[in-house]
C-alpha cells in the first residue's frame, strides 16, 4: 500500500487549525495556573486523529455521492483518482475510529474528573466521531444540507476550546466562551472558503452547502462578517481579562486576516481559494499561538 495517497488524503494542511483550539484552551488554563501536560499532549493527539478521520470520511462520503467528479480544486481526491480503494478506506476509518476512542478516553481519564463529568465528556467524544462520519456519509449527511457551518463552529470552537479548558482546570469559566467563539468563527470561515471554491461541483452533485443555498456573493459578505466579528470578540475578551499589554500581540495577525477578506471578495479563479484556505488556517494558528502566549508572558 502506497503511503503518499494516504498522506494527501489526510490533508495535513488542515492540522494547524485542528491543534489551534487545543493550544488556545490550554494556554487559557495555563494563564490560570492549571496546566496539565498529559491533558495537553493527549488533547493534541486526539484532535489530530479526529481531524484525519474526518478528512478520510469526507473523502469517502464525497466519492460515494459523486461530489468529487467535477471538483475544481487542484488537489485531487484519493478515492476519485483511484489511488485508494473504497474497501481500503473503510478499513482505515475503522482503525482511526478505534485509535481516536483510545486517545480520547485516555484524555478524559487523565483529567481526573468526577464520574458524572467523565460520562458527559465520553458522550461528547462519541458525538464528535459520529459528526466526523455523518458530515458527508449516511442517508442524510448534514454537510449536504447546509449544516456544516454550525457543526464546525460548535466542535472546533465551543467544544474544542472550552472542552480542553475544563479538562485542564476541572472548572467552568463563562469568559472562555469569548475566545472559543472567536476560534469557532475563524474555523467556520475556513469551511466557507472551501465551500465557495467547490460551489459549482457541490451544486451539480446535489451537495447543498450554505454557499450553494445563499450564492457566492452573499457567501463573500458572510465570510467578511465571520472574520470581523471574530476579531472584535477577541479584542473584547482581552479587555475583559486584561492584565498586560503583551496580551495584544495577536494584533500582529490582523493584517493577514484583512488580506484574506480582500482576496476572497475579489478572487477571479477558484484555485486561488485553495491558497486562501491554507492561509486562513495558518493565520488562525498564529492567532491562537500569539493569543495564548500573550496570556502567559
C-alpha atoms as a PDB file:
ATOM      1  CA  UNK A   1       0.000   0.000   0.000  1.00  0.00           C
ATOM      2  CA  UNK A   2       1.480   3.351  -1.077  1.00  0.00           C
ATOM      3  CA  UNK A   3       1.865   5.928   1.683  1.00  0.00           C
ATOM      4  CA  UNK A   4       1.708   9.137  -0.386  1.00  0.00           C
ATOM      5  CA  UNK A   5      -2.023   8.914  -1.286  1.00  0.00           C
ATOM      6  CA  UNK A   6      -2.873   8.447   2.394  1.00  0.00           C
ATOM      7  CA  UNK A   7      -0.788  11.479   3.336  1.00  0.00           C
ATOM      8  CA  UNK A   8      -2.508  13.517   0.639  1.00  0.00           C
ATOM      9  CA  UNK A   9      -5.958  12.348   1.751  1.00  0.00           C
ATOM     10  CA  UNK A  10      -5.108  13.217   5.366  1.00  0.00           C
ATOM     11  CA  UNK A  11      -4.854  16.890   4.257  1.00  0.00           C
ATOM     12  CA  UNK A  12      -2.009  17.729   6.583  1.00  0.00           C
ATOM     13  CA  UNK A  13      -2.501  21.419   5.831  1.00  0.00           C
ATOM     14  CA  UNK A  14      -5.677  21.251   7.955  1.00  0.00           C
ATOM     15  CA  UNK A  15      -3.817  20.127  11.079  1.00  0.00           C
ATOM     16  CA  UNK A  16      -2.525  23.547  12.227  1.00  0.00           C
ATOM     17  CA  UNK A  17      -6.146  24.689  12.507  1.00  0.00           C
ATOM     18  CA  UNK A  18      -7.032  21.452  14.281  1.00  0.00           C
ATOM     19  CA  UNK A  19      -4.465  21.830  17.059  1.00  0.00           C
ATOM     20  CA  UNK A  20      -5.033  25.570  17.468  1.00  0.00           C
ATOM     21  CA  UNK A  21      -8.121  25.194  19.636  1.00  0.00           C
ATOM     22  CA  UNK A  22      -6.311  22.723  21.908  1.00  0.00           C
ATOM     23  CA  UNK A  23      -3.405  25.147  22.252  1.00  0.00           C
ATOM     24  CA  UNK A  24      -5.709  28.110  22.880  1.00  0.00           C
ATOM     25  CA  UNK A  25      -7.782  26.394  25.571  1.00  0.00           C
ATOM     26  CA  UNK A  26      -4.628  25.026  27.184  1.00  0.00           C
ATOM     27  CA  UNK A  27      -2.952  28.433  27.325  1.00  0.00           C
ATOM     28  CA  UNK A  28      -6.034  29.962  28.935  1.00  0.00           C
ATOM     29  CA  UNK A  29      -5.824  27.236  31.579  1.00  0.00           C
ATOM     30  CA  UNK A  30      -2.076  27.820  31.951  1.00  0.00           C
ATOM     31  CA  UNK A  31      -2.750  31.525  32.477  1.00  0.00           C
ATOM     32  CA  UNK A  32      -4.899  30.480  35.447  1.00  0.00           C
ATOM     33  CA  UNK A  33      -2.148  28.219  36.801  1.00  0.00           C
ATOM     34  CA  UNK A  34      -3.849  24.922  35.960  1.00  0.00           C
ATOM     35  CA  UNK A  35      -1.933  23.463  33.034  1.00  0.00           C
ATOM     36  CA  UNK A  36      -1.712  19.650  32.744  1.00  0.00           C
ATOM     37  CA  UNK A  37       0.952  18.417  30.289  1.00  0.00           C
ATOM     38  CA  UNK A  38      -0.637  14.960  29.866  1.00  0.00           C
ATOM     39  CA  UNK A  39      -4.012  16.538  29.076  1.00  0.00           C
ATOM     40  CA  UNK A  40      -2.312  18.840  26.563  1.00  0.00           C
ATOM     41  CA  UNK A  41      -0.459  16.038  24.740  1.00  0.00           C
ATOM     42  CA  UNK A  42      -3.418  13.646  24.684  1.00  0.00           C
ATOM     43  CA  UNK A  43      -5.659  16.506  23.582  1.00  0.00           C
ATOM     44  CA  UNK A  44      -3.341  17.227  20.664  1.00  0.00           C
ATOM     45  CA  UNK A  45      -3.186  13.546  19.683  1.00  0.00           C
ATOM     46  CA  UNK A  46      -6.956  13.131  19.863  1.00  0.00           C
ATOM     47  CA  UNK A  47      -7.605  16.285  17.843  1.00  0.00           C
ATOM     48  CA  UNK A  48      -5.170  15.235  15.111  1.00  0.00           C
ATOM     49  CA  UNK A  49      -6.611  11.723  14.862  1.00  0.00           C
ATOM     50  CA  UNK A  50     -10.155  13.070  14.787  1.00  0.00           C
ATOM     51  CA  UNK A  51      -9.283  15.536  12.026  1.00  0.00           C
ATOM     52  CA  UNK A  52      -7.623  12.884   9.870  1.00  0.00           C
ATOM     53  CA  UNK A  53     -10.606  10.597  10.489  1.00  0.00           C
ATOM     54  CA  UNK A  54     -12.912  13.422   9.409  1.00  0.00           C
ATOM     55  CA  UNK A  55     -10.843  14.113   6.283  1.00  0.00           C
ATOM     56  CA  UNK A  56     -10.859  10.449   5.254  1.00  0.00           C
ATOM     57  CA  UNK A  57     -14.591  10.149   5.949  1.00  0.00           C
ATOM     58  CA  UNK A  58     -15.217  13.316   3.935  1.00  0.00           C
ATOM     59  CA  UNK A  59     -13.193  11.895   1.051  1.00  0.00           C
ATOM     60  CA  UNK A  60     -15.141   8.640   1.178  1.00  0.00           C
ATOM     61  CA  UNK A  61     -18.544  10.317   1.505  1.00  0.00           C
ATOM     62  CA  UNK A  62     -17.933  12.713  -1.380  1.00  0.00           C
ATOM     63  CA  UNK A  63     -16.706   9.830  -3.526  1.00  0.00           C
ATOM     64  CA  UNK A  64     -19.813   7.744  -2.861  1.00  0.00           C
ATOM     65  CA  UNK A  65     -22.154  10.682  -3.508  1.00  0.00           C
ATOM     66  CA  UNK A  66     -20.309  11.768  -6.656  1.00  0.00           C
ATOM     67  CA  UNK A  67     -19.485  15.221  -5.311  1.00  0.00           C
ATOM     68  CA  UNK A  68     -15.827  14.811  -6.358  1.00  0.00           C
ATOM     69  CA  UNK A  69     -16.465  14.229 -10.054  1.00  0.00           C
ATOM     70  CA  UNK A  70     -16.469  17.888 -11.054  1.00  0.00           C
ATOM     71  CA  UNK A  71     -14.397  19.338  -8.242  1.00  0.00           C
ATOM     72  CA  UNK A  72     -12.314  22.314  -9.344  1.00  0.00           C
ATOM     73  CA  UNK A  73      -9.586  22.158  -6.685  1.00  0.00           C
ATOM     74  CA  UNK A  74      -6.117  21.331  -7.985  1.00  0.00           C
ATOM     75  CA  UNK A  75      -5.730  18.926  -5.060  1.00  0.00           C
ATOM     76  CA  UNK A  76      -7.093  15.586  -6.238  1.00  0.00           C
ATOM     77  CA  UNK A  77      -9.044  13.252  -4.006  1.00  0.00           C
ATOM     78  CA  UNK A  78      -7.527   9.850  -3.285  1.00  0.00           C
ATOM     79  CA  UNK A  79     -10.633   7.755  -3.939  1.00  0.00           C
ATOM     80  CA  UNK A  80     -11.757   9.639  -7.029  1.00  0.00           C
ATOM     81  CA  UNK A  81      -8.270   9.291  -8.522  1.00  0.00           C
ATOM     82  CA  UNK A  82      -8.278   5.551  -7.812  1.00  0.00           C
ATOM     83  CA  UNK A  83      -5.136   5.671  -5.675  1.00  0.00           C
ATOM     84  CA  UNK A  84      -7.043   4.350  -2.668  1.00  0.00           C
ATOM     85  CA  UNK A  85      -9.764   1.723  -2.975  1.00  0.00           C
ATOM     86  CA  UNK A  86     -13.087   2.205  -1.135  1.00  0.00           C
ATOM     87  CA  UNK A  87     -12.517  -1.017   0.814  1.00  0.00           C
ATOM     88  CA  UNK A  88      -9.113   0.215   1.976  1.00  0.00           C
ATOM     89  CA  UNK A  89     -10.638   3.490   3.110  1.00  0.00           C
ATOM     90  CA  UNK A  90     -13.383   1.708   5.057  1.00  0.00           C
ATOM     91  CA  UNK A  91     -10.766  -0.352   6.901  1.00  0.00           C
ATOM     92  CA  UNK A  92      -8.753   2.782   7.671  1.00  0.00           C
ATOM     93  CA  UNK A  93     -11.850   4.514   9.029  1.00  0.00           C
ATOM     94  CA  UNK A  94     -12.399   1.641  11.472  1.00  0.00           C
ATOM     95  CA  UNK A  95      -8.768   1.747  12.622  1.00  0.00           C
ATOM     96  CA  UNK A  96      -8.786   5.518  13.096  1.00  0.00           C
ATOM     97  CA  UNK A  97     -12.097   5.416  14.955  1.00  0.00           C
ATOM     98  CA  UNK A  98     -10.617   2.916  17.394  1.00  0.00           C
ATOM     99  CA  UNK A  99      -7.415   4.942  17.888  1.00  0.00           C
ATOM    100  CA  UNK A 100      -9.405   8.146  18.399  1.00  0.00           C
ATOM    101  CA  UNK A 101     -11.544   6.446  21.029  1.00  0.00           C
ATOM    102  CA  UNK A 102      -8.444   5.157  22.833  1.00  0.00           C
ATOM    103  CA  UNK A 103      -6.712   8.535  22.966  1.00  0.00           C
ATOM    104  CA  UNK A 104      -9.972  10.343  23.722  1.00  0.00           C
ATOM    105  CA  UNK A 105     -10.871   8.124  26.661  1.00  0.00           C
ATOM    106  CA  UNK A 106      -7.275   8.326  27.919  1.00  0.00           C
ATOM    107  CA  UNK A 107      -7.507  12.111  27.720  1.00  0.00           C
ATOM    108  CA  UNK A 108     -10.726  12.220  29.726  1.00  0.00           C
ATOM    109  CA  UNK A 109      -9.491   9.772  32.367  1.00  0.00           C
ATOM    110  CA  UNK A 110      -6.174  11.644  32.757  1.00  0.00           C
ATOM    111  CA  UNK A 111      -8.071  14.794  33.757  1.00  0.00           C
ATOM    112  CA  UNK A 112      -9.314  13.121  36.974  1.00  0.00           C
ATOM    113  CA  UNK A 113     -12.830  14.465  36.586  1.00  0.00           C
ATOM    114  CA  UNK A 114     -15.881  13.388  38.624  1.00  0.00           C
ATOM    115  CA  UNK A 115     -17.660  10.293  37.256  1.00  0.00           C
ATOM    116  CA  UNK A 116     -20.642  12.280  36.015  1.00  0.00           C
ATOM    117  CA  UNK A 117     -18.434  14.743  34.123  1.00  0.00           C
ATOM    118  CA  UNK A 118     -16.417  11.863  32.641  1.00  0.00           C
ATOM    119  CA  UNK A 119     -19.636  10.381  31.249  1.00  0.00           C
ATOM    120  CA  UNK A 120     -20.543  13.726  29.675  1.00  0.00           C
ATOM    121  CA  UNK A 121     -17.128  14.047  28.027  1.00  0.00           C
ATOM    122  CA  UNK A 122     -17.227  10.475  26.711  1.00  0.00           C
ATOM    123  CA  UNK A 123     -20.639  11.212  25.186  1.00  0.00           C
ATOM    124  CA  UNK A 124     -19.239  14.370  23.579  1.00  0.00           C
ATOM    125  CA  UNK A 125     -16.267  12.404  22.252  1.00  0.00           C
ATOM    126  CA  UNK A 126     -18.507   9.786  20.666  1.00  0.00           C
ATOM    127  CA  UNK A 127     -20.635  12.571  19.192  1.00  0.00           C
ATOM    128  CA  UNK A 128     -17.501  14.096  17.655  1.00  0.00           C
ATOM    129  CA  UNK A 129     -16.679  10.802  15.924  1.00  0.00           C
ATOM    130  CA  UNK A 130     -20.262  10.449  14.687  1.00  0.00           C
ATOM    131  CA  UNK A 131     -20.123  14.032  13.385  1.00  0.00           C
ATOM    132  CA  UNK A 132     -16.901  13.238  11.506  1.00  0.00           C
ATOM    133  CA  UNK A 133     -18.666  10.421   9.663  1.00  0.00           C
ATOM    134  CA  UNK A 134     -22.063  11.965   9.048  1.00  0.00           C
ATOM    135  CA  UNK A 135     -20.757  15.193   7.521  1.00  0.00           C
ATOM    136  CA  UNK A 136     -20.721  13.525   4.101  1.00  0.00           C
ATOM    137  CA  UNK A 137     -21.795   9.936   4.890  1.00  0.00           C
ATOM    138  CA  UNK A 138     -25.111   8.306   5.657  1.00  0.00           C
ATOM    139  CA  UNK A 139     -28.625   8.776   4.292  1.00  0.00           C
ATOM    140  CA  UNK A 140     -28.826  12.450   5.286  1.00  0.00           C
ATOM    141  CA  UNK A 141     -25.292  13.887   5.635  1.00  0.00           C
ATOM    142  CA  UNK A 142     -25.567  17.239   7.378  1.00  0.00           C
ATOM    143  CA  UNK A 143     -22.794  18.712   5.215  1.00  0.00           C
ATOM    144  CA  UNK A 144     -25.128  18.292   2.247  1.00  0.00           C
ATOM    145  CA  UNK A 145     -27.921  20.288   3.863  1.00  0.00           C
ATOM    146  CA  UNK A 146     -26.046  23.448   4.839  1.00  0.00           C
ATOM    147  CA  UNK A 147     -25.466  22.488   8.482  1.00  0.00           C
ATOM    148  CA  UNK A 148     -21.698  22.109   8.234  1.00  0.00           C
ATOM    149  CA  UNK A 149     -21.048  25.690   9.337  1.00  0.00           C
ATOM    150  CA  UNK A 150     -22.919  25.194  12.600  1.00  0.00           C
ATOM    151  CA  UNK A 151     -21.133  21.904  13.268  1.00  0.00           C
ATOM    152  CA  UNK A 152     -17.690  23.406  12.649  1.00  0.00           C
ATOM    153  CA  UNK A 153     -18.469  26.376  14.886  1.00  0.00           C
ATOM    154  CA  UNK A 154     -19.625  24.108  17.724  1.00  0.00           C
ATOM    155  CA  UNK A 155     -16.990  21.374  17.530  1.00  0.00           C
ATOM    156  CA  UNK A 156     -13.922  23.440  16.599  1.00  0.00           C
ATOM    157  CA  UNK A 157     -14.847  26.446  18.700  1.00  0.00           C
ATOM    158  CA  UNK A 158     -17.040  25.752  21.705  1.00  0.00           C
ATOM    159  CA  UNK A 159     -16.281  22.066  22.249  1.00  0.00           C
ATOM    160  CA  UNK A 160     -12.597  22.267  21.336  1.00  0.00           C
ATOM    161  CA  UNK A 161     -11.558  25.328  23.325  1.00  0.00           C
ATOM    162  CA  UNK A 162     -13.963  25.044  26.262  1.00  0.00           C
ATOM    163  CA  UNK A 163     -13.595  21.266  26.462  1.00  0.00           C
ATOM    164  CA  UNK A 164      -9.817  21.228  26.793  1.00  0.00           C
ATOM    165  CA  UNK A 165     -10.017  24.147  29.240  1.00  0.00           C
ATOM    166  CA  UNK A 166     -12.348  22.172  31.535  1.00  0.00           C
ATOM    167  CA  UNK A 167     -10.135  19.091  31.271  1.00  0.00           C
ATOM    168  CA  UNK A 168      -7.169  21.166  32.452  1.00  0.00           C
ATOM    169  CA  UNK A 169      -8.927  23.072  35.220  1.00  0.00           C
ATOM    170  CA  UNK A 170     -11.889  20.885  36.323  1.00  0.00           C
ATOM    171  CA  UNK A 171     -13.943  24.077  36.379  1.00  0.00           C
ATOM    172  CA  UNK A 172     -16.059  26.307  34.140  1.00  0.00           C
ATOM    173  CA  UNK A 173     -15.480  29.968  33.288  1.00  0.00           C
ATOM    174  CA  UNK A 174     -18.029  31.822  31.148  1.00  0.00           C
ATOM    175  CA  UNK A 175     -15.327  34.170  29.822  1.00  0.00           C
ATOM    176  CA  UNK A 176     -13.765  31.253  27.931  1.00  0.00           C
ATOM    177  CA  UNK A 177     -16.780  31.356  25.608  1.00  0.00           C
ATOM    178  CA  UNK A 178     -15.447  34.553  24.026  1.00  0.00           C
ATOM    179  CA  UNK A 179     -12.130  33.169  22.687  1.00  0.00           C
ATOM    180  CA  UNK A 180     -13.929  29.898  21.929  1.00  0.00           C
ATOM    181  CA  UNK A 181     -16.478  31.780  19.829  1.00  0.00           C
ATOM    182  CA  UNK A 182     -13.679  33.686  18.105  1.00  0.00           C
ATOM    183  CA  UNK A 183     -11.973  30.451  17.161  1.00  0.00           C
ATOM    184  CA  UNK A 184     -15.263  28.881  16.062  1.00  0.00           C
ATOM    185  CA  UNK A 185     -15.900  31.802  13.702  1.00  0.00           C
ATOM    186  CA  UNK A 186     -12.405  31.585  12.202  1.00  0.00           C
ATOM    187  CA  UNK A 187     -12.874  27.843  11.650  1.00  0.00           C
ATOM    188  CA  UNK A 188     -16.253  28.440  10.011  1.00  0.00           C
ATOM    189  CA  UNK A 189     -14.507  30.943   7.754  1.00  0.00           C
ATOM    190  CA  UNK A 190     -12.120  28.210   6.619  1.00  0.00           C
ATOM    191  CA  UNK A 191     -15.063  25.958   5.759  1.00  0.00           C
ATOM    192  CA  UNK A 192     -16.775  28.826   3.962  1.00  0.00           C
ATOM    193  CA  UNK A 193     -13.756  29.353   1.686  1.00  0.00           C
ATOM    194  CA  UNK A 194     -13.768  25.626   0.946  1.00  0.00           C
ATOM    195  CA  UNK A 195     -17.461  25.767   0.058  1.00  0.00           C
ATOM    196  CA  UNK A 196     -17.077  28.892  -2.104  1.00  0.00           C
ATOM    197  CA  UNK A 197     -14.324  27.115  -4.028  1.00  0.00           C
ATOM    198  CA  UNK A 198     -16.439  23.989  -4.506  1.00  0.00           C
ATOM    199  CA  UNK A 199     -19.758  25.766  -5.126  1.00  0.00           C
ATOM    200  CA  UNK A 200     -20.116  24.627  -8.727  1.00  0.00           C
ATOM    201  CA  UNK A 201     -19.258  20.967  -8.148  1.00  0.00           C
ATOM    202  CA  UNK A 202     -21.331  20.879  -4.958  1.00  0.00           C
ATOM    203  CA  UNK A 203     -24.350  22.368  -6.723  1.00  0.00           C
ATOM    204  CA  UNK A 204     -24.107  19.935  -9.637  1.00  0.00           C
ATOM    205  CA  UNK A 205     -23.795  16.934  -7.302  1.00  0.00           C
ATOM    206  CA  UNK A 206     -26.658  17.983  -5.009  1.00  0.00           C
ATOM    207  CA  UNK A 207     -24.446  18.959  -2.087  1.00  0.00           C
ATOM    208  CA  UNK A 208     -26.408  21.896  -0.702  1.00  0.00           C
ATOM    209  CA  UNK A 209     -23.781  23.657   1.362  1.00  0.00           C
ATOM    210  CA  UNK A 210     -24.648  27.050   2.815  1.00  0.00           C
ATOM    211  CA  UNK A 211     -22.807  28.683  -0.090  1.00  0.00           C
ATOM    212  CA  UNK A 212     -24.944  26.779  -2.603  1.00  0.00           C
ATOM    213  CA  UNK A 213     -28.054  27.928  -0.753  1.00  0.00           C
ATOM    214  CA  UNK A 214     -27.203  31.635  -0.458  1.00  0.00           C
ATOM    215  CA  UNK A 215     -24.979  32.132  -3.511  1.00  0.00           C
ATOM    216  CA  UNK A 216     -21.337  33.151  -3.827  1.00  0.00           C
ATOM    217  CA  UNK A 217     -21.821  36.915  -3.471  1.00  0.00           C
ATOM    218  CA  UNK A 218     -23.674  36.581  -0.179  1.00  0.00           C
ATOM    219  CA  UNK A 219     -21.138  33.977   0.909  1.00  0.00           C
ATOM    220  CA  UNK A 220     -18.387  36.578   0.443  1.00  0.00           C
ATOM    221  CA  UNK A 221     -20.274  39.008   2.690  1.00  0.00           C
ATOM    222  CA  UNK A 222     -20.843  36.185   5.172  1.00  0.00           C
ATOM    223  CA  UNK A 223     -17.111  35.462   5.156  1.00  0.00           C
ATOM    224  CA  UNK A 224     -16.280  39.096   5.878  1.00  0.00           C
ATOM    225  CA  UNK A 225     -18.724  39.109   8.804  1.00  0.00           C
ATOM    226  CA  UNK A 226     -17.276  35.883  10.248  1.00  0.00           C
ATOM    227  CA  UNK A 227     -13.741  37.242  10.337  1.00  0.00           C
ATOM    228  CA  UNK A 228     -14.578  40.771  11.514  1.00  0.00           C
ATOM    229  CA  UNK A 229     -16.879  39.586  14.310  1.00  0.00           C
ATOM    230  CA  UNK A 230     -14.228  37.078  15.404  1.00  0.00           C
ATOM    231  CA  UNK A 231     -11.567  39.792  15.566  1.00  0.00           C
ATOM    232  CA  UNK A 232     -13.883  42.076  17.521  1.00  0.00           C
ATOM    233  CA  UNK A 233     -14.755  39.359  20.048  1.00  0.00           C
ATOM    234  CA  UNK A 234     -11.054  38.626  20.516  1.00  0.00           C
ATOM    235  CA  UNK A 235     -10.424  42.234  21.483  1.00  0.00           C
ATOM    236  CA  UNK A 236     -13.435  42.231  23.828  1.00  0.00           C
ATOM    237  CA  UNK A 237     -12.213  39.057  25.556  1.00  0.00           C
ATOM    238  CA  UNK A 238      -8.794  40.626  26.126  1.00  0.00           C
ATOM    239  CA  UNK A 239     -10.283  43.817  27.544  1.00  0.00           C
ATOM    240  CA  UNK A 240     -12.470  41.844  29.954  1.00  0.00           C
ATOM    241  CA  UNK A 241      -9.452  39.859  31.196  1.00  0.00           C
ATOM    242  CA  UNK A 242      -6.749  42.477  30.763  1.00  0.00           C
ATOM    243  CA  UNK A 243      -3.571  42.313  32.830  1.00  0.00           C
ATOM    244  CA  UNK A 244      -0.728  43.097  30.429  1.00  0.00           C
ATOM    245  CA  UNK A 245      -0.138  44.931  27.137  1.00  0.00           C
ATOM    246  CA  UNK A 246       1.552  41.744  25.874  1.00  0.00           C
ATOM    247  CA  UNK A 247      -1.918  40.214  25.553  1.00  0.00           C
ATOM    248  CA  UNK A 248      -2.447  42.273  22.404  1.00  0.00           C
ATOM    249  CA  UNK A 249       0.419  40.719  20.443  1.00  0.00           C
ATOM    250  CA  UNK A 250      -2.168  38.749  18.470  1.00  0.00           C
ATOM    251  CA  UNK A 251      -2.959  42.055  16.723  1.00  0.00           C
ATOM    252  CA  UNK A 252       0.077  41.236  14.573  1.00  0.00           C
ATOM    253  CA  UNK A 253      -2.081  38.658  12.771  1.00  0.00           C
ATOM    254  CA  UNK A 254      -4.816  41.158  11.846  1.00  0.00           C
ATOM    255  CA  UNK A 255      -3.261  42.282   8.514  1.00  0.00           C
ATOM    256  CA  UNK A 256      -3.307  38.659   7.319  1.00  0.00           C
ATOM    257  CA  UNK A 257      -6.984  38.349   8.214  1.00  0.00           C
ATOM    258  CA  UNK A 258      -7.806  41.589   6.378  1.00  0.00           C
ATOM    259  CA  UNK A 259      -5.835  40.405   3.336  1.00  0.00           C
ATOM    260  CA  UNK A 260      -7.758  37.137   3.393  1.00  0.00           C
ATOM    261  CA  UNK A 261     -11.060  39.030   3.386  1.00  0.00           C
ATOM    262  CA  UNK A 262      -9.922  41.106   0.404  1.00  0.00           C
ATOM    263  CA  UNK A 263      -8.681  38.148  -1.616  1.00  0.00           C
ATOM    264  CA  UNK A 264     -11.830  36.113  -1.004  1.00  0.00           C
ATOM    265  CA  UNK A 265     -14.016  39.062  -2.032  1.00  0.00           C
ATOM    266  CA  UNK A 266     -12.001  39.710  -5.209  1.00  0.00           C
ATOM    267  CA  UNK A 267     -10.886  36.260  -6.343  1.00  0.00           C
ATOM    268  CA  UNK A 268     -11.125  35.504 -10.062  1.00  0.00           C
ATOM    269  CA  UNK A 269     -10.196  31.816 -10.124  1.00  0.00           C
ATOM    270  CA  UNK A 270     -11.446  29.114  -7.797  1.00  0.00           C
ATOM    271  CA  UNK A 271      -7.956  27.629  -7.476  1.00  0.00           C
ATOM    272  CA  UNK A 272      -6.818  30.835  -5.735  1.00  0.00           C
ATOM    273  CA  UNK A 273      -9.087  29.858  -2.872  1.00  0.00           C
ATOM    274  CA  UNK A 274      -7.010  26.731  -2.251  1.00  0.00           C
ATOM    275  CA  UNK A 275      -4.223  29.005  -1.082  1.00  0.00           C
ATOM    276  CA  UNK A 276      -6.522  31.320   0.863  1.00  0.00           C
ATOM    277  CA  UNK A 277      -7.966  28.309   2.667  1.00  0.00           C
ATOM    278  CA  UNK A 278      -4.472  27.358   3.775  1.00  0.00           C
ATOM    279  CA  UNK A 279      -3.556  30.953   4.587  1.00  0.00           C
ATOM    280  CA  UNK A 280      -6.598  31.416   6.823  1.00  0.00           C
ATOM    281  CA  UNK A 281      -5.842  28.132   8.590  1.00  0.00           C
ATOM    282  CA  UNK A 282      -2.250  29.196   9.258  1.00  0.00           C
ATOM    283  CA  UNK A 283      -3.253  32.725  10.276  1.00  0.00           C
ATOM    284  CA  UNK A 284      -5.757  31.258  12.738  1.00  0.00           C
ATOM    285  CA  UNK A 285      -2.997  29.036  14.093  1.00  0.00           C
ATOM    286  CA  UNK A 286      -0.685  32.035  14.632  1.00  0.00           C
ATOM    287  CA  UNK A 287      -3.564  33.967  16.190  1.00  0.00           C
ATOM    288  CA  UNK A 288      -4.064  31.111  18.650  1.00  0.00           C
ATOM    289  CA  UNK A 289      -0.339  30.956  19.460  1.00  0.00           C
ATOM    290  CA  UNK A 290       0.058  34.712  19.948  1.00  0.00           C
ATOM    291  CA  UNK A 291      -3.175  34.999  21.938  1.00  0.00           C
ATOM    292  CA  UNK A 292      -2.059  32.166  24.212  1.00  0.00           C
ATOM    293  CA  UNK A 293       1.494  33.407  24.633  1.00  0.00           C
ATOM    294  CA  UNK A 294       0.199  36.885  25.384  1.00  0.00           C
ATOM    295  CA  UNK A 295      -1.725  35.467  28.320  1.00  0.00           C
ATOM    296  CA  UNK A 296       1.218  33.715  29.932  1.00  0.00           C
ATOM    297  CA  UNK A 297       4.013  36.242  29.298  1.00  0.00           C
END
